Amino acid sequence: MTILVTGANGQLDNEMRIVSKGSEYKYIFTDVVEASEESSVSI
C-alpha cells in the first residue's frame, strides 16, 4: 500500500517520517513550496 502524506514540512510529518521507516507500507511525503518575492509576478 502507498500512503501520501501532505504537509511534509510540518511537525506531524517529521514524526511520521521517523515512524514510517520500519513500516511495510510505502510513504510519499509532499508539501507546497511558496514562490519567493523575487519570482512572483506583479500586475
N, C-alpha and C. Protein backbone atom coordinates (compact mmCIF):
# COMPACT_ATOMS: atom_id res chain seq x y z
N MET A 1 0.85 -1.17 0.00
CA MET A 1 0.00 0.00 0.00
C MET A 1 0.90 1.23 0.00
N THR A 2 0.51 2.24 -0.76
CA THR A 2 1.22 3.50 -0.80
C THR A 2 0.38 4.56 -0.09
N ILE A 3 1.03 5.33 0.78
CA ILE A 3 0.34 6.35 1.57
C ILE A 3 0.93 7.71 1.24
N LEU A 4 0.09 8.64 0.83
CA LEU A 4 0.51 10.01 0.51
C LEU A 4 0.29 10.88 1.74
N VAL A 5 1.36 11.53 2.19
CA VAL A 5 1.29 12.42 3.35
C VAL A 5 1.59 13.83 2.88
N THR A 6 0.63 14.74 3.05
CA THR A 6 0.84 16.13 2.65
C THR A 6 1.25 16.96 3.85
N GLY A 7 1.89 18.08 3.59
CA GLY A 7 2.37 18.94 4.67
C GLY A 7 3.71 18.46 5.20
N ALA A 8 4.59 18.06 4.30
CA ALA A 8 5.85 17.42 4.67
C ALA A 8 6.78 18.29 5.51
N ASN A 9 6.56 19.58 5.54
CA ASN A 9 7.44 20.45 6.33
C ASN A 9 6.91 20.71 7.73
N GLY A 10 5.80 20.08 8.08
CA GLY A 10 5.19 20.31 9.38
C GLY A 10 5.73 19.38 10.46
N GLN A 11 5.37 19.66 11.69
CA GLN A 11 5.86 18.89 12.83
C GLN A 11 5.33 17.45 12.81
N LEU A 12 4.06 17.27 12.52
CA LEU A 12 3.49 15.93 12.49
C LEU A 12 4.17 15.07 11.43
N ASP A 13 4.40 15.66 10.26
CA ASP A 13 5.02 14.90 9.18
C ASP A 13 6.45 14.50 9.54
N ASN A 14 7.17 15.35 10.22
CA ASN A 14 8.53 14.98 10.63
C ASN A 14 8.51 13.76 11.53
N GLU A 15 7.53 13.66 12.41
CA GLU A 15 7.39 12.49 13.27
C GLU A 15 6.96 11.27 12.45
N MET A 16 6.10 11.49 11.45
CA MET A 16 5.65 10.39 10.59
C MET A 16 6.81 9.76 9.84
N ARG A 17 7.77 10.57 9.43
CA ARG A 17 8.95 10.04 8.73
C ARG A 17 9.71 9.07 9.62
N ILE A 18 9.84 9.40 10.88
CA ILE A 18 10.55 8.54 11.83
C ILE A 18 9.78 7.23 12.02
N VAL A 19 8.49 7.33 12.24
CA VAL A 19 7.65 6.16 12.50
C VAL A 19 7.57 5.25 11.27
N SER A 20 7.56 5.83 10.07
CA SER A 20 7.35 5.05 8.85
C SER A 20 8.58 4.27 8.39
N LYS A 21 9.73 4.54 8.96
CA LYS A 21 10.96 3.87 8.49
C LYS A 21 10.89 2.35 8.60
N GLY A 22 10.26 1.82 9.62
CA GLY A 22 10.17 0.38 9.78
C GLY A 22 8.89 -0.23 9.22
N SER A 23 8.11 0.57 8.52
CA SER A 23 6.80 0.13 8.05
C SER A 23 6.90 -0.70 6.78
N GLU A 24 5.94 -1.57 6.58
CA GLU A 24 5.84 -2.35 5.36
C GLU A 24 5.24 -1.55 4.22
N TYR A 25 4.64 -0.39 4.53
CA TYR A 25 4.00 0.45 3.53
C TYR A 25 4.98 1.44 2.93
N LYS A 26 4.65 1.91 1.72
CA LYS A 26 5.46 2.93 1.05
C LYS A 26 4.82 4.29 1.32
N TYR A 27 5.60 5.22 1.83
CA TYR A 27 5.10 6.57 2.12
C TYR A 27 5.68 7.56 1.12
N ILE A 28 4.84 8.49 0.68
CA ILE A 28 5.27 9.60 -0.17
C ILE A 28 4.97 10.88 0.59
N PHE A 29 6.00 11.67 0.87
CA PHE A 29 5.86 12.91 1.63
C PHE A 29 5.96 14.08 0.67
N THR A 30 5.01 15.02 0.78
CA THR A 30 4.99 16.16 -0.13
C THR A 30 4.51 17.41 0.60
N ASP A 31 4.85 18.56 0.06
CA ASP A 31 4.41 19.83 0.63
C ASP A 31 4.40 20.88 -0.48
N VAL A 32 3.77 21.99 -0.21
CA VAL A 32 3.70 23.10 -1.16
C VAL A 32 4.87 24.03 -0.89
N VAL A 33 5.53 24.44 -1.96
CA VAL A 33 6.62 25.41 -1.84
C VAL A 33 6.11 26.73 -2.36
N GLU A 34 6.13 27.75 -1.49
CA GLU A 34 5.64 29.06 -1.91
C GLU A 34 6.71 29.78 -2.72
N ALA A 35 6.27 30.54 -3.71
CA ALA A 35 7.19 31.32 -4.54
C ALA A 35 7.77 32.47 -3.73
N SER A 36 9.05 32.75 -3.96
CA SER A 36 9.67 33.88 -3.25
C SER A 36 9.21 35.19 -3.90
N GLU A 37 9.45 36.29 -3.21
CA GLU A 37 9.05 37.59 -3.73
C GLU A 37 9.76 37.91 -5.03
N GLU A 38 10.98 37.42 -5.20
CA GLU A 38 11.74 37.69 -6.41
C GLU A 38 11.11 37.01 -7.63
N SER A 39 10.49 35.85 -7.42
CA SER A 39 9.95 35.13 -8.57
C SER A 39 8.47 35.42 -8.79
N SER A 40 7.84 36.18 -7.91
CA SER A 40 6.41 36.49 -8.10
C SER A 40 6.23 37.54 -9.17
N VAL A 41 5.08 37.53 -9.78
CA VAL A 41 4.77 38.43 -10.88
C VAL A 41 3.86 39.54 -10.38
N SER A 42 4.21 40.78 -10.67
CA SER A 42 3.38 41.93 -10.31
C SER A 42 2.56 42.34 -11.51
N ILE A 43 1.28 42.61 -11.27
CA ILE A 43 0.40 43.03 -12.38
C ILE A 43 -0.09 44.43 -12.11
